[in-house]
Every structure is written in structure tokens, then in C-alpha cells.
Protein backbone atom coordinates (compact mmCIF):
# COMPACT_ATOMS: atom_id res chain seq x y z
CA MET A 1 -107.01 -17.35 -99.09
CA THR A 2 -103.80 -19.09 -98.05
CA THR A 3 -102.36 -21.23 -100.85
CA ASP A 4 -100.64 -24.56 -100.35
CA ASN A 5 -97.35 -22.86 -101.25
CA GLU A 6 -97.84 -20.17 -98.60
CA THR A 7 -98.67 -22.85 -96.03
CA LEU A 8 -95.48 -24.73 -96.85
CA ALA A 9 -93.49 -21.51 -96.53
CA GLU A 10 -95.02 -20.85 -93.12
CA ARG A 11 -94.14 -24.38 -92.01
CA ALA A 12 -90.57 -23.92 -93.25
CA LYS A 13 -90.29 -20.67 -91.30
CA ALA A 14 -91.67 -22.30 -88.15
CA LEU A 15 -89.04 -25.05 -88.52
CA GLY A 16 -86.27 -22.52 -89.02
CA LEU A 17 -85.34 -23.82 -92.48
CA TYR A 18 -83.95 -20.46 -93.58
CA GLY A 19 -81.63 -21.92 -96.21
CA LEU A 20 -84.65 -23.47 -97.87
CA LEU A 21 -86.59 -20.21 -97.61
CA ALA A 22 -83.69 -18.27 -99.16
CA ASN A 23 -84.05 -20.49 -102.23
CA TRP A 24 -87.83 -20.78 -102.08
CA VAL A 25 -88.52 -19.78 -105.67
CA ASP A 26 -86.30 -22.62 -106.85
CA VAL A 27 -87.81 -25.34 -104.64
CA MET A 28 -91.41 -24.34 -103.96
CA ASP A 29 -92.83 -26.51 -106.74
CA GLU A 30 -90.75 -29.59 -105.96
CA SER A 31 -92.80 -32.72 -105.20
CA TRP A 32 -90.55 -33.67 -102.26
CA LEU A 33 -91.07 -30.41 -100.38
CA SER A 34 -94.23 -31.41 -98.51
CA TYR A 35 -92.70 -34.77 -97.53
CA LEU A 36 -89.60 -32.97 -96.24
CA MET A 37 -91.79 -30.77 -94.03
CA ASP A 38 -93.66 -33.80 -92.72
CA ILE A 39 -90.59 -35.77 -91.66
CA GLU A 40 -88.90 -32.69 -90.20
CA GLU A 41 -91.96 -31.83 -88.08
CA VAL A 42 -92.31 -35.40 -86.83
CA GLU A 43 -88.62 -35.56 -85.89
CA ARG A 44 -88.72 -32.15 -84.18
CA ALA A 45 -91.79 -33.23 -82.19
CA ARG A 46 -90.11 -36.50 -81.17
CA ARG A 47 -86.94 -34.78 -80.02
CA SER A 48 -88.91 -32.11 -78.20
CA LEU A 49 -90.87 -34.79 -76.31
CA GLU A 50 -87.65 -36.63 -75.42
CA ARG A 51 -86.13 -33.42 -74.03
CA ARG A 52 -89.24 -32.59 -72.02
CA ILE A 53 -89.50 -36.12 -70.59
CA SER A 54 -85.82 -36.03 -69.63
CA ALA A 55 -86.18 -32.61 -67.99
CA ALA A 56 -89.32 -33.68 -66.12
CA HIS A 57 -87.47 -36.35 -64.06
CA LEU A 58 -90.54 -38.55 -63.74
CA GLY A 59 -88.69 -41.71 -62.78
CA ASN A 60 -90.41 -45.09 -62.93
CA PHE A 61 -94.17 -45.39 -62.50
CA LYS A 62 -97.03 -47.76 -63.31
CA ASP A 63 -99.54 -46.87 -66.01
CA MET A 64 -103.03 -45.83 -64.92
CA ALA A 65 -104.34 -48.93 -66.69
CA ASP A 66 -102.86 -50.89 -63.75
CA PHE A 67 -104.49 -48.72 -61.06
CA ASP A 68 -106.79 -50.74 -58.79
CA TRP A 69 -109.80 -48.43 -58.36
CA THR A 70 -111.47 -50.94 -56.03
CA TRP A 71 -108.71 -50.86 -53.39
CA PRO A 72 -109.07 -47.37 -51.83
CA GLU A 73 -111.94 -46.99 -49.37
CA LYS A 74 -112.62 -43.52 -50.78
CA ILE A 75 -111.67 -42.23 -54.22
CA ASP A 76 -113.56 -40.13 -56.77
CA ARG A 77 -112.65 -41.94 -59.97
CA GLU A 78 -114.68 -39.65 -62.23
CA HIS A 79 -113.10 -36.53 -60.73
CA ILE A 80 -109.59 -37.91 -61.24
CA GLN A 81 -110.32 -38.99 -64.80
CA ASP A 82 -111.72 -35.53 -65.55
CA LEU A 83 -108.39 -34.01 -64.54
CA PHE A 84 -106.75 -35.79 -67.46
CA ASP A 85 -108.36 -33.25 -69.81
CA PHE A 86 -105.87 -30.74 -68.31
CA SER A 87 -108.23 -27.78 -68.47
CA TRP A 88 -106.88 -26.90 -65.01
CA ILE A 89 -103.42 -26.37 -66.50
CA ASP A 90 -104.91 -24.06 -69.12
CA GLU A 91 -106.48 -22.13 -66.22
CA ALA A 92 -103.23 -22.13 -64.16
CA ALA A 93 -105.12 -23.93 -61.38
CA ASN A 94 -103.62 -26.35 -58.86
CA VAL A 95 -104.34 -29.96 -57.91
CA VAL A 96 -103.77 -31.41 -54.43
CA LEU A 97 -104.00 -35.17 -53.84
CA VAL A 98 -104.46 -35.88 -50.12
CA GLY A 99 -104.29 -39.32 -48.53
CA PRO A 100 -102.25 -41.75 -46.45
CA ASN A 101 -99.16 -43.56 -47.65
CA GLY A 102 -99.59 -46.18 -50.38
CA VAL A 103 -103.01 -45.28 -51.82
CA GLY A 104 -101.71 -44.29 -55.27
CA LYS A 105 -101.23 -40.53 -55.05
CA THR A 106 -97.78 -40.58 -56.65
CA MET A 107 -98.90 -43.02 -59.35
CA ILE A 108 -101.79 -40.72 -60.29
CA ALA A 109 -99.60 -37.61 -60.19
CA LYS A 110 -96.89 -39.11 -62.41
CA ASN A 111 -99.44 -40.37 -64.92
CA MET A 112 -100.92 -36.88 -65.09
CA ALA A 113 -97.44 -35.45 -65.59
CA HIS A 114 -96.67 -37.94 -68.35
CA ARG A 115 -99.95 -37.35 -70.18
CA ALA A 116 -99.38 -33.60 -69.91
CA LEU A 117 -95.93 -34.05 -71.47
CA LEU A 118 -97.49 -35.93 -74.38
CA ARG A 119 -99.77 -32.93 -74.92
CA GLY A 120 -96.79 -30.61 -75.20
CA VAL A 121 -96.81 -29.26 -71.64
CA THR A 122 -93.48 -28.63 -69.90
CA VAL A 123 -93.30 -30.48 -66.57
CA LYS A 124 -90.97 -30.77 -63.59
CA CYS A 125 -91.49 -33.54 -61.03
CA VAL A 126 -89.66 -33.35 -57.71
CA SER A 127 -90.12 -34.59 -54.16
CA ALA A 128 -90.85 -31.97 -51.53
CA SER A 129 -87.64 -32.77 -49.68
CA ALA A 130 -85.50 -32.53 -52.85
CA LEU A 131 -87.10 -29.21 -53.82
CA LEU A 132 -86.75 -27.58 -50.40
CA ASN A 133 -83.27 -28.89 -49.69
CA ASP A 134 -82.12 -27.79 -53.14
CA LEU A 135 -83.35 -24.25 -52.54
CA ALA A 136 -82.06 -24.11 -48.97
CA ALA A 137 -78.58 -25.17 -50.13
CA GLN A 138 -78.16 -22.16 -52.41
CA GLU A 139 -75.60 -19.67 -51.16
CA GLY A 140 -76.52 -16.04 -51.65
CA ALA A 141 -79.62 -14.26 -52.93
CA ILE A 142 -78.59 -14.36 -56.59
CA ALA A 143 -77.99 -18.14 -56.59
CA LEU A 144 -81.27 -18.70 -54.76
CA GLN A 145 -83.31 -16.62 -57.19
CA ARG A 146 -81.69 -18.38 -60.13
CA ARG A 147 -82.69 -21.72 -58.64
CA VAL A 148 -86.21 -20.52 -57.82
CA ARG A 149 -86.63 -19.56 -61.48
CA HIS A 150 -85.72 -23.16 -62.35
CA TYR A 151 -88.91 -24.25 -60.58
CA LEU A 152 -90.96 -21.43 -62.08
CA ARG A 153 -90.27 -22.33 -65.72
CA PRO A 154 -92.38 -25.48 -66.32
CA ALA A 155 -96.09 -25.09 -66.97
CA LEU A 156 -96.70 -27.86 -64.41
CA LEU A 157 -94.66 -28.36 -61.24
CA VAL A 158 -95.32 -31.66 -59.44
CA ILE A 159 -94.27 -31.65 -55.77
CA ASP A 160 -94.49 -35.18 -54.39
CA GLU A 161 -94.63 -36.47 -50.81
CA LEU A 162 -95.15 -33.25 -48.90
CA GLY A 163 -95.78 -34.05 -45.24
CA TYR A 164 -93.56 -37.08 -44.72
CA LEU A 165 -90.84 -34.91 -43.15
CA SER A 166 -90.87 -31.77 -41.03
CA TYR A 167 -89.14 -28.57 -42.11
CA ASP A 168 -88.01 -25.36 -40.49
CA ASN A 169 -89.21 -21.82 -41.12
CA ARG A 170 -86.74 -21.23 -43.96
CA HIS A 171 -88.06 -24.23 -45.87
CA ALA A 172 -91.62 -22.99 -45.36
CA ASP A 173 -90.66 -19.57 -46.69
CA LEU A 174 -89.01 -21.16 -49.75
CA LEU A 175 -92.08 -23.24 -50.60
CA PHE A 176 -94.23 -20.16 -50.05
CA GLU A 177 -92.12 -18.21 -52.55
CA VAL A 178 -92.38 -20.91 -55.23
CA VAL A 179 -96.15 -21.33 -54.77
CA THR A 180 -96.76 -17.58 -54.61
CA ARG A 181 -94.73 -16.78 -57.71
CA ARG A 182 -96.53 -19.51 -59.67
CA TYR A 183 -99.91 -18.42 -58.28
CA GLY A 184 -102.29 -17.43 -61.06
CA ASN A 185 -99.65 -18.08 -63.74
CA LYS A 186 -98.73 -21.77 -63.75
CA SER A 187 -100.05 -24.94 -62.12
CA VAL A 188 -98.77 -26.90 -59.15
CA LEU A 189 -99.71 -30.52 -58.41
CA ILE A 190 -98.97 -31.60 -54.84
CA THR A 191 -99.33 -35.00 -53.20
CA THR A 192 -99.48 -34.99 -49.40
CA ASN A 193 -100.33 -37.36 -46.59
CA LYS A 194 -101.40 -34.47 -44.35
CA PRO A 195 -104.74 -32.63 -44.44
CA PHE A 196 -104.26 -28.88 -44.54
CA ALA A 197 -105.19 -28.58 -40.86
CA GLU A 198 -102.03 -30.55 -40.03
CA TRP A 199 -99.59 -28.62 -42.21
CA ASN A 200 -98.42 -26.78 -39.10
CA GLU A 201 -96.85 -30.14 -38.16
CA VAL A 202 -94.93 -30.13 -41.44
CA PHE A 203 -93.76 -26.56 -40.89
CA PRO A 204 -93.78 -26.12 -37.08
CA SER A 205 -94.10 -22.48 -35.96
CA ALA A 206 -93.84 -21.15 -39.55
CA THR A 207 -95.90 -17.97 -39.80
CA CYS A 208 -96.63 -18.31 -43.53
CA VAL A 209 -98.46 -21.68 -43.41
CA VAL A 210 -102.00 -20.21 -43.43
CA THR A 211 -101.18 -17.92 -46.36
CA LEU A 212 -99.36 -20.73 -48.16
CA VAL A 213 -102.39 -23.00 -47.95
CA ASP A 214 -104.69 -20.14 -48.99
CA ARG A 215 -102.64 -19.43 -52.12
CA LEU A 216 -102.34 -23.11 -52.95
CA VAL A 217 -106.01 -24.05 -52.63
CA HIS A 218 -107.50 -20.97 -54.28
CA ASN A 219 -108.85 -22.12 -57.64
CA ALA A 220 -107.60 -25.65 -56.88
CA GLU A 221 -108.91 -29.18 -57.35
CA ILE A 222 -108.57 -31.04 -54.03
CA LEU A 223 -109.03 -34.81 -54.00
CA GLN A 224 -109.11 -36.98 -50.89
CA ILE A 225 -108.08 -40.64 -51.20
CA ASN A 226 -108.56 -42.91 -48.18
CA GLY A 227 -107.59 -46.52 -47.62
CA ASP A 228 -104.89 -48.92 -46.54
CA SER A 229 -101.52 -49.03 -48.25
CA TYR A 230 -101.67 -50.88 -51.58
CA ARG A 231 -97.91 -51.42 -51.43
CA LEU A 232 -98.33 -53.16 -48.06
CA LYS A 233 -101.09 -55.30 -49.60
CA GLU A 234 -98.79 -56.26 -52.50
CA ALA A 235 -95.94 -57.06 -50.10
CA LYS A 236 -98.18 -59.34 -48.03
CA GLU A 237 -99.45 -61.09 -51.16
CA LYS A 238 -95.88 -61.67 -52.41
CA THR A 239 -94.85 -63.02 -49.00
CA ALA A 240 -97.84 -65.36 -48.93
CA LYS A 241 -97.13 -66.52 -52.49
CA LYS A 242 -93.51 -67.33 -51.64
CA ALA A 243 -94.63 -69.17 -48.49
CA ARG A 244 -97.02 -71.32 -50.54
CA ALA A 245 -94.25 -72.06 -53.05
CA ARG A 246 -91.87 -73.11 -50.27
CA ALA A 247 -94.57 -75.31 -48.71
CA ALA A 248 -95.22 -76.95 -52.09
CA ARG A 249 -91.51 -77.65 -52.59
CA ARG A 250 -91.21 -79.17 -49.11
CA LYS A 251 -94.24 -81.34 -49.73
CA ALA A 252 -92.86 -82.51 -53.08
CA SER A 253 -89.48 -83.20 -51.49
CA SER A 254 -90.99 -85.23 -48.65
CA LYS A 255 -92.91 -87.38 -51.15
CA LYS A 256 -89.71 -88.13 -53.03
CA GLY A 257 -88.00 -89.07 -49.79
């Protein structure tokens, strides 16, 4: 049976407190030892989370508590909420959120990424254009492979806004390499405004599109979200609110006159 002292020693080793371990016989019965382990573990966890959040490049996003589930014409709320248990990351499966502009795909994806970070998962969030242009800009095979490995490291790679721009064959081949090398090992979460049948418009004449989609969707969770743009709705509401405020000021001013 593991004693409390052995447990403390294991924690000290996990924390890399080798100076403490070298003098273990002298300190193992000290009352402050357990407290020291506690505060060191909490601080290490905090700093680790800060580093992972910084490396993830999430940017600004609204919390899922603010998501308007009633706005989209079609959305499987239960399916999306189930994805927040992250069993699909444990299984190295993929998630693809498909839908038109402004229905909340990016908001959902970034909330998933953030929750995954809080669970200790390493995450990288990048737009499709930034990812593909970054890889395409590398000069030479060695530089390219080094950069590809950058996108292979995180347990979850979020590729946002695929389908808003068109790319050439080289870009298609680069995305194929990233998806293929992560296939079966680590998860990819993609948001796209194009159904898979239209991906040949994103990568015109690219020969690898069919295989790319096949690798991506195998063992994947695919969610379709339909509806009008929520951002457009918010913009119209703000415009209407400002118009009402201006009308009220004019009415108040005319009464004073």
C-alpha cells in the first residue's frame, strides 16, 4: 500500500523538485510539505493553461451561454452539447460544422476549443486561409515539413472558415497532407460554409479533393446548421435602435422649440 510519504515523494518527482527529493529524509515529516506540493501544483497548472491558451490563438469569442439556439432554422442542440464531453478527441475523431455565414459555427468551434484547453488538451486555432498561406509560403522541403509539424503537434487543430476563398492545387495538397498525417492520431475541427459536394469549388481541379473529404469524414461528427446570418440580424437591430434614438431626440428637440 502506498503511504502518504510515498505519495508526496511521487508528487515531488512529477513536479521536478529534485533538490527537495535529494534531501527527502530531512523534510519528509515536515508539516509544510503537503501545502508546498499543493501550491506548486496549482501554480504549475495555472501557468500551463496560460501557455496553452496563448499558443491556441483563439482570439475573441462569445461564451456559449450567449448562443441563441432559437435563431438557426436547423441545429441539433443535443448533438452539439454532447460534443462538449470531448470523447471524440479521445478517439482522434474529427468534427465538421457545415452552414452558411453567420449561423454560429465559429462561436461553437472556439467554445469547444476553449473548453478542451480547460481540460488539459493542447489546441491550435487557425483560419483556413492563414493555415494554407503559411504552409505555401515555406521555401524548401525542410522548412515546409518543419511547419507542417507545427500543425501536427496539438491534440486538436481547429481550421476555421474553409470555403470562403478558393485555392489552387498546391493549397489542396497541403491541406491533404495535414489532414492525412493527423488521420487516426489527432482530431481536426473544421467549420465550412460549403457542403462536401461543393469542395471542388474551393479547390478547383485538385485531384485530391475526394480523398481529402474521405479521410476527413471517416469517423467524424458532421453537423449541419441552417439559417440566416445572426450577425446581419444584430446589425439590423442596432441600426433600428439607433434610428429610434435619433427619432426620439428629434421629437424632444422639436417640443423644446
